Amino acid sequence: MASTLDVQMLQTAASLENLAVEAYEAVARSRGHDPLLDSFVRRTRAQHAAHAVAFNRAAVRAGGREQLLADPRYVGPVRRALADQAGVAAVPALASLLETLEDAKAQTYARFASLSDPRLRSMFVSVAAVEAGHRAFLLAALKLLSLGEPLASGDRPAGLPDHLPADLGAGSCPHAFYPTTESAAVDEGVVR
């Protein structure tokens, strides 16, 4: 059986994924996105739902309960930010909100991997890498949107290599090693 610390981390991770599902669902319901961003939002929401299930199953196997609620630290600010956005003009703000959430989750899971039972480390590392990838896409999208570039045009992606900003890659993957200074507290999403 895993430790109480492992159960707390798994429940907190599930609460963060529950919040991500809620945020991506809200963004998917809004109108006026670029088709590529719409596709990303649908696919990523499904990935977060799968992550929540995986973290909850691991929490139950470790002797804890499923966490079905959103993370209490972030739920209020995220819901307020989502309620304030609508239409095409909101796309950069919504992408920025999702980017911030992905970054917080990647930092949290990177930190939890260093604290967890060795049997759980691969799960935390794997999901942290996925969240970092989501963040990289969103940072690239934000850069292109700030330049007035569409993310997709017709049947081909916008920004063919000769049209991409020189700093797009470095700006989308700013860390050689993922920081953990903004990670969630271990017991933040514990079932109460």
Foldseek 3Di string as FASTA:
>chain_A
DWDPLLLLQLLLLLQLLLLLLVLLVLVLPADDAFVVVNVLSVVVSVVSVVLSVVSQVVSVVNPAHRQNHHQPVCNVVSVVQSVVDHYNVCVLVSLVSLLVSLLQLLLQLVVVLVVTDVVCNVVSNVVSVVSLVSNLVSQLCNVCVVVVHRQCDPPGGPQDPVRGDPCSNCRSNVDPDRHNPNYDDSNRRGDD
